[in-house]
Amino acid sequence: MTPSRERTGADDAANDPCGVPGCGAPAARHLSLAEARKVFHDMPEKGRRGPLCRDHYREWKKATKESRKLDRLAW
């Protein structure tokens, strides 16, 4: 195992289940819990990051597309 991989904990992140209740798919992305709760209101208040599977990440991305676009334009 390389030192950089050992520091990041990439193996642990790949084994996390999706944080949306009722979904047990492996997590593809980790968002801040505040960002994830904008769409998935019933996510548990556990930790700072919310793991999302590929399908739920795409759902979050579509639901927040307009607000993220406006945030980028505000620069």
PDB file of N, CA and C in Angstrom:
ATOM      1  N   MET A   1       0.853  -1.180   0.000  1.00  0.00           N
ATOM      2  CA  MET A   1       0.000   0.000   0.000  1.00  0.00           C
ATOM      3  C   MET A   1       0.890   1.232   0.000  1.00  0.00           C
ATOM      4  N   THR A   2       0.567   2.186  -0.857  1.00  0.00           N
ATOM      5  CA  THR A   2       1.354   3.405  -0.945  1.00  0.00           C
ATOM      6  C   THR A   2       1.011   4.332   0.211  1.00  0.00           C
ATOM      7  N   PRO A   3       1.952   5.165   0.597  1.00  0.00           N
ATOM      8  CA  PRO A   3       1.683   6.066   1.723  1.00  0.00           C
ATOM      9  C   PRO A   3       0.512   7.014   1.468  1.00  0.00           C
ATOM     10  N   SER A   4       0.355   7.529   0.246  1.00  0.00           N
ATOM     11  CA  SER A   4      -0.739   8.460  -0.006  1.00  0.00           C
ATOM     12  C   SER A   4      -2.090   7.770   0.132  1.00  0.00           C
ATOM     13  N   ARG A   5      -2.193   6.534  -0.336  1.00  0.00           N
ATOM     14  CA  ARG A   5      -3.449   5.793  -0.219  1.00  0.00           C
ATOM     15  C   ARG A   5      -3.739   5.464   1.235  1.00  0.00           C
ATOM     16  N   GLU A   6      -2.697   5.229   1.999  1.00  0.00           N
ATOM     17  CA  GLU A   6      -2.863   4.917   3.413  1.00  0.00           C
ATOM     18  C   GLU A   6      -3.408   6.128   4.165  1.00  0.00           C
ATOM     19  N   ARG A   7      -2.973   7.326   3.801  1.00  0.00           N
ATOM     20  CA  ARG A   7      -3.422   8.545   4.467  1.00  0.00           C
ATOM     21  C   ARG A   7      -4.862   8.891   4.129  1.00  0.00           C
ATOM     22  N   THR A   8      -5.263   8.699   2.885  1.00  0.00           N
ATOM     23  CA  THR A   8      -6.592   9.127   2.469  1.00  0.00           C
ATOM     24  C   THR A   8      -7.691   8.203   2.955  1.00  0.00           C
ATOM     25  N   GLY A   9      -7.382   6.963   3.217  1.00  0.00           N
ATOM     26  CA  GLY A   9      -8.401   6.021   3.650  1.00  0.00           C
ATOM     27  C   GLY A   9      -9.339   5.652   2.525  1.00  0.00           C
ATOM     28  N   ALA A  10      -8.823   5.529   1.314  1.00  0.00           N
ATOM     29  CA  ALA A  10      -9.647   5.249   0.148  1.00  0.00           C
ATOM     30  C   ALA A  10     -10.386   3.918   0.278  1.00  0.00           C
ATOM     31  N   ASP A  11      -9.776   2.943   0.936  1.00  0.00           N
ATOM     32  CA  ASP A  11     -10.440   1.659   1.110  1.00  0.00           C
ATOM     33  C   ASP A  11     -11.673   1.787   2.000  1.00  0.00           C
ATOM     34  N   ASP A  12     -11.586   2.603   3.055  1.00  0.00           N
ATOM     35  CA  ASP A  12     -12.713   2.782   3.961  1.00  0.00           C
ATOM     36  C   ASP A  12     -13.864   3.507   3.282  1.00  0.00           C
ATOM     37  N   ALA A  13     -13.557   4.504   2.465  1.00  0.00           N
ATOM     38  CA  ALA A  13     -14.603   5.282   1.806  1.00  0.00           C
ATOM     39  C   ALA A  13     -15.370   4.437   0.800  1.00  0.00           C
ATOM     40  N   ALA A  14     -14.721   3.490   0.168  1.00  0.00           N
ATOM     41  CA  ALA A  14     -15.380   2.663  -0.839  1.00  0.00           C
ATOM     42  C   ALA A  14     -16.376   1.695  -0.207  1.00  0.00           C
ATOM     43  N   ASN A  15     -16.215   1.396   1.070  1.00  0.00           N
ATOM     44  CA  ASN A  15     -17.077   0.430   1.742  1.00  0.00           C
ATOM     45  C   ASN A  15     -18.261   1.084   2.445  1.00  0.00           C
ATOM     46  N   ASP A  16     -18.350   2.395   2.443  1.00  0.00           N
ATOM     47  CA  ASP A  16     -19.458   3.084   3.106  1.00  0.00           C
ATOM     48  C   ASP A  16     -20.766   2.841   2.355  1.00  0.00           C
ATOM     49  N   PRO A  17     -21.842   2.586   3.070  1.00  0.00           N
ATOM     50  CA  PRO A  17     -23.145   2.494   2.388  1.00  0.00           C
ATOM     51  C   PRO A  17     -23.720   3.895   2.189  1.00  0.00           C
ATOM     52  N   CYS A  18     -24.660   4.014   1.302  1.00  0.00           N
ATOM     53  CA  CYS A  18     -25.343   5.281   1.044  1.00  0.00           C
ATOM     54  C   CYS A  18     -26.050   5.730   2.327  1.00  0.00           C
ATOM     55  N   GLY A  19     -26.028   7.031   2.597  1.00  0.00           N
ATOM     56  CA  GLY A  19     -26.605   7.564   3.825  1.00  0.00           C
ATOM     57  C   GLY A  19     -28.095   7.801   3.771  1.00  0.00           C
ATOM     58  N   VAL A  20     -28.713   7.635   2.618  1.00  0.00           N
ATOM     59  CA  VAL A  20     -30.157   7.834   2.492  1.00  0.00           C
ATOM     60  C   VAL A  20     -30.861   6.611   3.094  1.00  0.00           C
ATOM     61  N   PRO A  21     -31.777   6.825   4.037  1.00  0.00           N
ATOM     62  CA  PRO A  21     -32.471   5.691   4.653  1.00  0.00           C
ATOM     63  C   PRO A  21     -33.185   4.825   3.612  1.00  0.00           C
ATOM     64  N   GLY A  22     -33.007   3.520   3.742  1.00  0.00           N
ATOM     65  CA  GLY A  22     -33.625   2.572   2.831  1.00  0.00           C
ATOM     66  C   GLY A  22     -32.753   2.192   1.652  1.00  0.00           C
ATOM     67  N   CYS A  23     -31.621   2.843   1.495  1.00  0.00           N
ATOM     68  CA  CYS A  23     -30.707   2.535   0.393  1.00  0.00           C
ATOM     69  C   CYS A  23     -29.425   1.950   0.979  1.00  0.00           C
ATOM     70  N   GLY A  24     -29.020   0.822   0.488  1.00  0.00           N
ATOM     71  CA  GLY A  24     -27.810   0.187   0.997  1.00  0.00           C
ATOM     72  C   GLY A  24     -26.712   0.097  -0.041  1.00  0.00           C
ATOM     73  N   ALA A  25     -26.858   0.828  -1.136  1.00  0.00           N
ATOM     74  CA  ALA A  25     -25.858   0.784  -2.208  1.00  0.00           C
ATOM     75  C   ALA A  25     -24.548   1.397  -1.730  1.00  0.00           C
ATOM     76  N   PRO A  26     -23.422   0.988  -2.312  1.00  0.00           N
ATOM     77  CA  PRO A  26     -22.134   1.564  -1.906  1.00  0.00           C
ATOM     78  C   PRO A  26     -22.055   3.035  -2.295  1.00  0.00           C
ATOM     79  N   ALA A  27     -21.424   3.815  -1.435  1.00  0.00           N
ATOM     80  CA  ALA A  27     -21.310   5.252  -1.660  1.00  0.00           C
ATOM     81  C   ALA A  27     -20.323   5.543  -2.776  1.00  0.00           C
ATOM     82  N   ALA A  28     -20.726   6.433  -3.688  1.00  0.00           N
ATOM     83  CA  ALA A  28     -19.850   6.859  -4.772  1.00  0.00           C
ATOM     84  C   ALA A  28     -19.233   8.217  -4.458  1.00  0.00           C
ATOM     85  N   ARG A  29     -19.974   9.063  -3.747  1.00  0.00           N
ATOM     86  CA  ARG A  29     -19.512  10.406  -3.402  1.00  0.00           C
ATOM     87  C   ARG A  29     -19.867  10.709  -1.957  1.00  0.00           C
ATOM     88  N   HIS A  30     -19.116  11.647  -1.385  1.00  0.00           N
ATOM     89  CA  HIS A  30     -19.395  12.130  -0.042  1.00  0.00           C
ATOM     90  C   HIS A  30     -19.582  13.640  -0.118  1.00  0.00           C
ATOM     91  N   LEU A  31     -20.747  14.114   0.275  1.00  0.00           N
ATOM     92  CA  LEU A  31     -21.038  15.543   0.297  1.00  0.00           C
ATOM     93  C   LEU A  31     -21.095  16.019   1.731  1.00  0.00           C
ATOM     94  N   SER A  32     -21.013  17.336   1.910  1.00  0.00           N
ATOM     95  CA  SER A  32     -21.227  17.853   3.251  1.00  0.00           C
ATOM     96  C   SER A  32     -22.661  17.503   3.654  1.00  0.00           C
ATOM     97  N   LEU A  33     -22.857  17.253   4.901  1.00  0.00           N
ATOM     98  CA  LEU A  33     -24.176  16.840   5.379  1.00  0.00           C
ATOM     99  C   LEU A  33     -25.209  17.932   5.126  1.00  0.00           C
ATOM    100  N   ALA A  34     -24.806  19.186   5.228  1.00  0.00           N
ATOM    101  CA  ALA A  34     -25.736  20.293   4.971  1.00  0.00           C
ATOM    102  C   ALA A  34     -26.187  20.287   3.515  1.00  0.00           C
ATOM    103  N   GLU A  35     -25.283  20.044   2.587  1.00  0.00           N
ATOM    104  CA  GLU A  35     -25.638  19.993   1.167  1.00  0.00           C
ATOM    105  C   GLU A  35     -26.555  18.805   0.873  1.00  0.00           C
ATOM    106  N   ALA A  36     -26.244  17.659   1.436  1.00  0.00           N
ATOM    107  CA  ALA A  36     -27.043  16.460   1.182  1.00  0.00           C
ATOM    108  C   ALA A  36     -28.444  16.603   1.763  1.00  0.00           C
ATOM    109  N   ARG A  37     -28.566  17.272   2.909  1.00  0.00           N
ATOM    110  CA  ARG A  37     -29.873  17.414   3.556  1.00  0.00           C
ATOM    111  C   ARG A  37     -30.766  18.424   2.858  1.00  0.00           C
ATOM    112  N   LYS A  38     -30.236  19.210   1.912  1.00  0.00           N
ATOM    113  CA  LYS A  38     -31.076  20.126   1.142  1.00  0.00           C
ATOM    114  C   LYS A  38     -32.075  19.349   0.293  1.00  0.00           C
ATOM    115  N   VAL A  39     -31.687  18.148  -0.128  1.00  0.00           N
ATOM    116  CA  VAL A  39     -32.556  17.312  -0.956  1.00  0.00           C
ATOM    117  C   VAL A  39     -33.108  16.140  -0.156  1.00  0.00           C
ATOM    118  N   PHE A  40     -32.266  15.498   0.635  1.00  0.00           N
ATOM    119  CA  PHE A  40     -32.656  14.321   1.416  1.00  0.00           C
ATOM    120  C   PHE A  40     -32.797  14.735   2.881  1.00  0.00           C
ATOM    121  N   HIS A  41     -33.983  15.179   3.255  1.00  0.00           N
ATOM    122  CA  HIS A  41     -34.217  15.743   4.580  1.00  0.00           C
ATOM    123  C   HIS A  41     -34.133  14.718   5.703  1.00  0.00           C
ATOM    124  N   ASP A  42     -34.289  13.444   5.379  1.00  0.00           N
ATOM    125  CA  ASP A  42     -34.309  12.423   6.426  1.00  0.00           C
ATOM    126  C   ASP A  42     -32.959  11.728   6.605  1.00  0.00           C
ATOM    127  N   MET A  43     -31.880  12.341   6.145  1.00  0.00           N
ATOM    128  CA  MET A  43     -30.556  11.752   6.366  1.00  0.00           C
ATOM    129  C   MET A  43     -30.196  11.887   7.842  1.00  0.00           C
ATOM    130  N   PRO A  44     -29.553  10.889   8.410  1.00  0.00           N
ATOM    131  CA  PRO A  44     -29.215  10.954   9.831  1.00  0.00           C
ATOM    132  C   PRO A  44     -28.149  12.009  10.109  1.00  0.00           C
ATOM    133  N   GLU A  45     -28.215  12.606  11.282  1.00  0.00           N
ATOM    134  CA  GLU A  45     -27.236  13.598  11.731  1.00  0.00           C
ATOM    135  C   GLU A  45     -26.024  12.880  12.301  1.00  0.00           C
ATOM    136  N   LYS A  46     -25.233  12.277  11.416  1.00  0.00           N
ATOM    137  CA  LYS A  46     -24.080  11.509  11.863  1.00  0.00           C
ATOM    138  C   LYS A  46     -22.853  12.008  11.111  1.00  0.00           C
ATOM    139  N   GLY A  47     -21.944  12.624  11.827  1.00  0.00           N
ATOM    140  CA  GLY A  47     -20.714  13.096  11.215  1.00  0.00           C
ATOM    141  C   GLY A  47     -20.893  14.384  10.440  1.00  0.00           C
ATOM    142  N   ARG A  48     -19.869  14.712   9.649  1.00  0.00           N
ATOM    143  CA  ARG A  48     -19.887  15.952   8.876  1.00  0.00           C
ATOM    144  C   ARG A  48     -20.155  15.713   7.400  1.00  0.00           C
ATOM    145  N   ARG A  49     -19.900  14.505   6.928  1.00  0.00           N
ATOM    146  CA  ARG A  49     -20.051  14.189   5.522  1.00  0.00           C
ATOM    147  C   ARG A  49     -21.176  13.181   5.318  1.00  0.00           C
ATOM    148  N   GLY A  50     -21.891  13.327   4.222  1.00  0.00           N
ATOM    149  CA  GLY A  50     -22.988  12.425   3.918  1.00  0.00           C
ATOM    150  C   GLY A  50     -22.657  11.579   2.700  1.00  0.00           C
ATOM    151  N   PRO A  51     -22.509  10.268   2.860  1.00  0.00           N
ATOM    152  CA  PRO A  51     -22.211   9.414   1.711  1.00  0.00           C
ATOM    153  C   PRO A  51     -23.444   9.203   0.846  1.00  0.00           C
ATOM    154  N   LEU A  52     -23.273   9.305  -0.473  1.00  0.00           N
ATOM    155  CA  LEU A  52     -24.365   9.088  -1.409  1.00  0.00           C
ATOM    156  C   LEU A  52     -23.943   8.101  -2.484  1.00  0.00           C
ATOM    157  N   CYS A  53     -24.858   7.207  -2.844  1.00  0.00           N
ATOM    158  CA  CYS A  53     -24.595   6.280  -3.943  1.00  0.00           C
ATOM    159  C   CYS A  53     -24.702   7.043  -5.259  1.00  0.00           C
ATOM    160  N   ARG A  54     -24.406   6.393  -6.339  1.00  0.00           N
ATOM    161  CA  ARG A  54     -24.401   7.047  -7.646  1.00  0.00           C
ATOM    162  C   ARG A  54     -25.785   7.604  -8.001  1.00  0.00           C
ATOM    163  N   ASP A  55     -26.824   6.822  -7.772  1.00  0.00           N
ATOM    164  CA  ASP A  55     -28.175   7.260  -8.118  1.00  0.00           C
ATOM    165  C   ASP A  55     -28.629   8.452  -7.283  1.00  0.00           C
ATOM    166  N   HIS A  56     -28.363   8.411  -5.977  1.00  0.00           N
ATOM    167  CA  HIS A  56     -28.771   9.524  -5.126  1.00  0.00           C
ATOM    168  C   HIS A  56     -27.909  10.755  -5.373  1.00  0.00           C
ATOM    169  N   TYR A  57     -26.650  10.582  -5.742  1.00  0.00           N
ATOM    170  CA  TYR A  57     -25.815  11.729  -6.095  1.00  0.00           C
ATOM    171  C   TYR A  57     -26.372  12.421  -7.340  1.00  0.00           C
ATOM    172  N   ARG A  58     -26.783  11.638  -8.326  1.00  0.00           N
ATOM    173  CA  ARG A  58     -27.366  12.215  -9.547  1.00  0.00           C
ATOM    174  C   ARG A  58     -28.668  12.951  -9.223  1.00  0.00           C
ATOM    175  N   GLU A  59     -29.466  12.374  -8.316  1.00  0.00           N
ATOM    176  CA  GLU A  59     -30.709  13.028  -7.905  1.00  0.00           C
ATOM    177  C   GLU A  59     -30.411  14.362  -7.221  1.00  0.00           C
ATOM    178  N   TRP A  60     -29.407  14.382  -6.329  1.00  0.00           N
ATOM    179  CA  TRP A  60     -29.007  15.623  -5.653  1.00  0.00           C
ATOM    180  C   TRP A  60     -28.513  16.653  -6.670  1.00  0.00           C
ATOM    181  N   LYS A  61     -27.717  16.182  -7.626  1.00  0.00           N
ATOM    182  CA  LYS A  61     -27.144  17.073  -8.625  1.00  0.00           C
ATOM    183  C   LYS A  61     -28.240  17.739  -9.464  1.00  0.00           C
ATOM    184  N   LYS A  62     -29.246  16.971  -9.847  1.00  0.00           N
ATOM    185  CA  LYS A  62     -30.351  17.524 -10.644  1.00  0.00           C
ATOM    186  C   LYS A  62     -31.205  18.487  -9.814  1.00  0.00           C
ATOM    187  N   ALA A  63     -31.427  18.148  -8.552  1.00  0.00           N
ATOM    188  CA  ALA A  63     -32.293  18.975  -7.703  1.00  0.00           C
ATOM    189  C   ALA A  63     -31.642  20.313  -7.345  1.00  0.00           C
ATOM    190  N   THR A  64     -30.320  20.370  -7.287  1.00  0.00           N
ATOM    191  CA  THR A  64     -29.633  21.592  -6.873  1.00  0.00           C
ATOM    192  C   THR A  64     -28.950  22.300  -8.039  1.00  0.00           C
ATOM    193  N   LYS A  65     -29.248  21.899  -9.255  1.00  0.00           N
ATOM    194  CA  LYS A  65     -28.559  22.445 -10.424  1.00  0.00           C
ATOM    195  C   LYS A  65     -28.701  23.967 -10.525  1.00  0.00           C
ATOM    196  N   GLU A  66     -29.903  24.464 -10.376  1.00  0.00           N
ATOM    197  CA  GLU A  66     -30.139  25.899 -10.530  1.00  0.00           C
ATOM    198  C   GLU A  66     -29.443  26.712  -9.440  1.00  0.00           C
ATOM    199  N   SER A  67     -29.533  26.268  -8.192  1.00  0.00           N
ATOM    200  CA  SER A  67     -28.905  27.020  -7.097  1.00  0.00           C
ATOM    201  C   SER A  67     -27.379  26.982  -7.198  1.00  0.00           C
ATOM    202  N   ARG A  68     -26.821  25.877  -7.645  1.00  0.00           N
ATOM    203  CA  ARG A  68     -25.367  25.805  -7.825  1.00  0.00           C
ATOM    204  C   ARG A  68     -24.917  26.713  -8.957  1.00  0.00           C
ATOM    205  N   LYS A  69     -25.742  26.835 -10.001  1.00  0.00           N
ATOM    206  CA  LYS A  69     -25.428  27.712 -11.120  1.00  0.00           C
ATOM    207  C   LYS A  69     -25.423  29.170 -10.646  1.00  0.00           C
ATOM    208  N   LEU A  70     -26.424  29.533  -9.856  1.00  0.00           N
ATOM    209  CA  LEU A  70     -26.498  30.896  -9.333  1.00  0.00           C
ATOM    210  C   LEU A  70     -25.337  31.213  -8.386  1.00  0.00           C
ATOM    211  N   ASP A  71     -24.910  30.225  -7.614  1.00  0.00           N
ATOM    212  CA  ASP A  71     -23.759  30.416  -6.730  1.00  0.00           C
ATOM    213  C   ASP A  71     -22.491  30.686  -7.534  1.00  0.00           C
ATOM    214  N   ARG A  72     -22.336  29.986  -8.639  1.00  0.00           N
ATOM    215  CA  ARG A  72     -21.144  30.205  -9.469  1.00  0.00           C
ATOM    216  C   ARG A  72     -21.176  31.589 -10.118  1.00  0.00           C
ATOM    217  N   LEU A  73     -22.354  32.052 -10.499  1.00  0.00           N
ATOM    218  CA  LEU A  73     -22.468  33.366 -11.131  1.00  0.00           C
ATOM    219  C   LEU A  73     -22.254  34.513 -10.156  1.00  0.00           C
ATOM    220  N   ALA A  74     -22.422  34.267  -8.882  1.00  0.00           N
ATOM    221  CA  ALA A  74     -22.277  35.308  -7.877  1.00  0.00           C
ATOM    222  C   ALA A  74     -20.819  35.724  -7.658  1.00  0.00           C
ATOM    223  N   TRP A  75     -19.903  34.985  -8.203  1.00  0.00           N
ATOM    224  CA  TRP A  75     -18.486  35.342  -8.032  1.00  0.00           C
ATOM    225  C   TRP A  75     -18.244  36.611  -8.695  1.00  0.00           C
TER     226      TRP A  75
END
